[in-house]
Amino acid sequence: MNVLNRLAVSLVLLVVAILAVAVALLPGTVSGSLRSLLALLEGAQGSPMQLLVSAAGLVVAVGALFLLAMEWRPRPRRAVVVTRGPSGTAELSTDSVSVRVRRAVEGVASVSDVSPTVLSKGKTVDILIKVTVDPEVDLPQKTEEIMQAVRTEVEGKMGIPIKGLKVSMKQAAGGRRVSAPGSGGTANNPSRP
């Protein structure tokens, strides 16, 4: 979206610059053209031409407001401040924090898939972790284990305070099945005779 915003702003500024030069060099011609355009629009009231001009104006206005909103929305920070001192600031990318969070959670038993999202809040981070766990685990206990592993890694080892931590769990489908009597294997992995 950043490229589109720059392109749109550049185009608008180019048009404004051309119009400003035209007004400065040819004021009579520009004012005559504007009077003709206003007369044309005034004479077109109540006609299909007015409807077309109104629709085009609304489309341009909505597009401009959309681009303006996209330009002014807050950008996500890509780094978290680890330390700030008189000689400078040390920052760590949110991607690096995400890798450490993934490793810490993968070290917890019965976890099969981990997808962390780390958002910087300046000196703190918000962390959302999507986790797939084995079907037979105790979810409240496993949540506490995951949260403790993340807090130990991020706050303890990295020195970054966690502002918000959310764990979203999904239990893996299936799992181990009990073997049928006399089959010699599980339903997922039957033994061959």
Protein backbone atom coordinates (compact mmCIF):
# COMPACT_ATOMS: atom_id res chain seq x y z
CA MET A 1 0.00 0.00 0.00
CA ASN A 2 2.94 2.31 0.61
CA VAL A 3 3.90 2.31 -3.09
CA LEU A 4 0.31 3.08 -4.11
CA ASN A 5 0.17 5.97 -1.62
CA ARG A 6 3.43 7.44 -2.89
CA LEU A 7 2.28 7.09 -6.49
CA ALA A 8 -1.05 8.81 -5.76
CA VAL A 9 0.55 11.65 -3.79
CA SER A 10 3.18 12.11 -6.51
CA LEU A 11 0.47 12.26 -9.19
CA VAL A 12 -1.57 14.81 -7.23
CA LEU A 13 1.50 16.97 -6.59
CA LEU A 14 2.47 16.79 -10.26
CA VAL A 15 -1.02 17.95 -11.32
CA VAL A 16 -0.94 20.77 -8.76
CA ALA A 17 2.51 21.85 -9.96
CA ILE A 18 1.39 21.88 -13.62
CA LEU A 19 -1.75 23.85 -12.75
CA ALA A 20 0.27 26.33 -10.67
CA VAL A 21 2.69 26.91 -13.57
CA ALA A 22 -0.24 27.30 -15.98
CA VAL A 23 -1.95 29.85 -13.70
CA ALA A 24 1.34 31.75 -13.26
CA LEU A 25 2.19 31.88 -16.98
CA LEU A 26 -1.28 31.97 -18.60
CA PRO A 27 -3.78 33.43 -16.11
CA GLY A 28 -6.21 34.68 -18.79
CA THR A 29 -6.38 31.35 -20.60
CA VAL A 30 -6.83 29.37 -17.37
CA SER A 31 -9.58 31.67 -16.06
CA GLY A 32 -11.37 31.53 -19.46
CA SER A 33 -11.19 27.72 -19.45
CA LEU A 34 -12.56 27.58 -15.90
CA ARG A 35 -15.45 29.92 -16.83
CA SER A 36 -16.30 27.71 -19.83
CA LEU A 37 -16.20 24.58 -17.67
CA LEU A 38 -18.43 26.17 -15.00
CA ALA A 39 -20.90 27.34 -17.66
CA LEU A 40 -21.00 23.84 -19.14
CA LEU A 41 -21.68 22.28 -15.72
CA GLU A 42 -24.30 24.92 -14.90
CA GLY A 43 -26.12 24.29 -18.17
CA ALA A 44 -26.05 20.52 -17.60
CA GLN A 45 -28.13 20.58 -14.42
CA GLY A 46 -30.87 17.97 -14.48
CA SER A 47 -29.29 16.09 -17.39
CA PRO A 48 -27.44 12.76 -17.56
CA MET A 49 -24.20 14.78 -17.80
CA GLN A 50 -24.75 16.12 -14.27
CA LEU A 51 -25.30 12.58 -12.96
CA LEU A 52 -22.08 11.42 -14.63
CA VAL A 53 -20.07 14.35 -13.23
CA SER A 54 -21.54 13.79 -9.73
CA ALA A 55 -20.71 10.06 -9.81
CA ALA A 56 -17.15 10.76 -10.99
CA GLY A 57 -16.72 13.37 -8.26
CA LEU A 58 -17.91 10.93 -5.59
CA VAL A 59 -15.59 8.18 -6.83
CA VAL A 60 -12.61 10.54 -6.79
CA ALA A 61 -13.53 11.84 -3.31
CA VAL A 62 -13.92 8.32 -1.86
CA GLY A 63 -10.63 7.23 -3.45
CA ALA A 64 -8.84 10.29 -2.09
CA LEU A 65 -10.24 9.74 1.42
CA PHE A 66 -9.21 6.07 1.30
CA LEU A 67 -5.65 6.95 0.28
CA LEU A 68 -5.51 9.66 2.93
CA ALA A 69 -6.65 7.21 5.61
CA MET A 70 -4.08 4.64 4.48
CA GLU A 71 -1.35 7.28 4.52
CA TRP A 72 -2.12 8.43 8.07
CA ARG A 73 -2.83 5.08 9.73
CA PRO A 74 -0.22 4.08 12.30
CA ARG A 75 2.52 1.88 10.92
CA PRO A 76 3.42 -1.24 12.90
CA ARG A 77 6.83 -1.00 14.51
CA ARG A 78 9.28 -3.55 13.21
CA ALA A 79 11.57 -3.39 16.26
CA VAL A 80 11.37 -3.26 20.03
CA VAL A 81 13.67 -1.08 22.14
CA VAL A 82 15.83 -3.36 24.25
CA THR A 83 17.87 -0.65 25.96
CA ARG A 84 18.16 3.11 25.74
CA GLY A 85 21.14 4.94 27.15
CA PRO A 86 23.00 8.23 26.82
CA SER A 87 25.15 6.85 24.01
CA GLY A 88 22.33 5.36 21.93
CA THR A 89 19.51 2.89 21.60
CA ALA A 90 19.58 -0.87 21.03
CA GLU A 91 16.65 -2.38 19.17
CA LEU A 92 15.73 -5.94 18.28
CA SER A 93 13.51 -6.82 15.34
CA THR A 94 10.11 -8.32 16.06
CA ASP A 95 11.05 -11.17 13.70
CA SER A 96 13.94 -12.10 16.03
CA VAL A 97 11.62 -12.08 19.03
CA SER A 98 9.16 -14.23 17.06
CA VAL A 99 11.86 -16.83 16.31
CA ARG A 100 12.80 -17.06 20.00
CA VAL A 101 9.13 -17.37 21.02
CA ARG A 102 8.60 -20.16 18.46
CA ARG A 103 11.63 -22.09 19.78
CA ALA A 104 10.51 -21.69 23.40
CA VAL A 105 6.99 -22.94 22.68
CA GLU A 106 8.21 -25.81 20.49
CA GLY A 107 10.19 -26.97 23.54
CA VAL A 108 6.96 -27.54 25.47
CA ALA A 109 5.76 -31.16 25.39
CA SER A 110 2.66 -32.08 23.29
CA VAL A 111 2.93 -28.99 21.05
CA SER A 112 2.97 -29.77 17.33
CA ASP A 113 2.57 -26.44 15.51
CA VAL A 114 3.45 -22.89 16.63
CA SER A 115 2.69 -19.60 14.88
CA PRO A 116 3.69 -16.51 16.92
CA THR A 117 2.88 -12.88 16.06
CA VAL A 118 4.88 -10.20 17.85
CA LEU A 119 3.81 -6.54 17.84
CA SER A 120 6.16 -3.89 19.20
CA LYS A 121 4.77 -1.26 21.55
CA GLY A 122 8.07 0.63 21.86
CA LYS A 123 9.74 -0.86 24.93
CA THR A 124 7.20 -3.67 25.36
CA VAL A 125 5.62 -6.29 23.10
CA ASP A 126 2.23 -7.87 22.54
CA ILE A 127 2.44 -11.55 21.63
CA LEU A 128 -0.23 -13.73 20.03
CA ILE A 129 0.62 -17.41 19.70
CA LYS A 130 -1.46 -19.88 17.71
CA VAL A 131 -0.64 -23.38 18.88
CA THR A 132 -1.75 -26.87 17.89
CA VAL A 133 -1.57 -29.39 20.74
CA ASP A 134 -2.16 -33.10 21.09
CA PRO A 135 -5.82 -34.05 21.69
CA GLU A 136 -5.30 -35.62 25.11
CA VAL A 137 -3.62 -32.64 26.85
CA ASP A 138 -5.03 -30.70 29.78
CA LEU A 139 -5.65 -27.33 28.07
CA PRO A 140 -5.46 -25.01 31.14
CA GLN A 141 -2.23 -26.65 32.30
CA LYS A 142 -0.71 -26.59 28.80
CA THR A 143 -1.66 -22.91 28.41
CA GLU A 144 0.17 -22.09 31.66
CA GLU A 145 3.23 -24.07 30.51
CA ILE A 146 3.32 -22.21 27.18
CA MET A 147 2.85 -18.80 28.82
CA GLN A 148 5.58 -19.53 31.37
CA ALA A 149 7.98 -20.68 28.62
CA VAL A 150 7.32 -17.48 26.64
CA ARG A 151 7.70 -15.20 29.69
CA THR A 152 10.94 -16.94 30.68
CA GLU A 153 12.36 -16.54 27.16
CA VAL A 154 11.21 -12.99 26.37
CA GLU A 155 11.26 -11.30 29.76
CA GLY A 156 13.92 -13.40 31.47
CA LYS A 157 16.46 -14.08 28.74
CA MET A 158 15.82 -11.17 26.35
CA GLY A 159 14.90 -8.48 28.88
CA ILE A 160 11.79 -7.34 26.98
CA PRO A 161 8.64 -6.74 29.04
CA ILE A 162 5.48 -8.40 27.71
CA LYS A 163 2.50 -6.06 27.70
CA GLY A 164 0.00 -8.61 26.39
CA LEU A 165 0.22 -12.35 25.87
CA LYS A 166 -2.53 -14.38 24.25
CA VAL A 167 -2.39 -18.10 23.48
CA SER A 168 -4.90 -19.46 20.95
CA MET A 169 -5.01 -23.25 21.06
CA LYS A 170 -6.29 -25.82 18.64
CA GLN A 171 -6.30 -29.51 19.36
CA ALA A 172 -4.88 -31.76 16.66
CA ALA A 173 -7.43 -33.94 14.92
CA GLY A 174 -7.30 -37.67 15.44
CA GLY A 175 -4.34 -38.74 17.49
CA ARG A 176 -3.44 -42.24 18.59
CA ARG A 177 -6.21 -44.79 18.51
CA VAL A 178 -6.48 -47.77 20.78
CA SER A 179 -5.55 -51.01 19.07
CA ALA A 180 -8.32 -53.46 18.39
CA PRO A 181 -8.15 -56.73 20.38
CA GLY A 182 -5.99 -59.28 18.61
CA SER A 183 -4.93 -56.99 15.74
CA GLY A 184 -1.36 -56.54 16.93
CA GLY A 185 -1.28 -52.82 16.00
CA THR A 186 -3.16 -49.56 16.19
CA ALA A 187 -5.95 -48.56 13.86
CA ASN A 188 -3.60 -46.03 12.27
CA ASN A 189 -0.75 -48.49 11.87
CA PRO A 190 -2.05 -52.08 11.59
CA SER A 191 0.54 -54.81 11.65
CA ARG A 192 0.82 -57.02 8.61
CA PRO A 193 0.20 -60.79 9.01
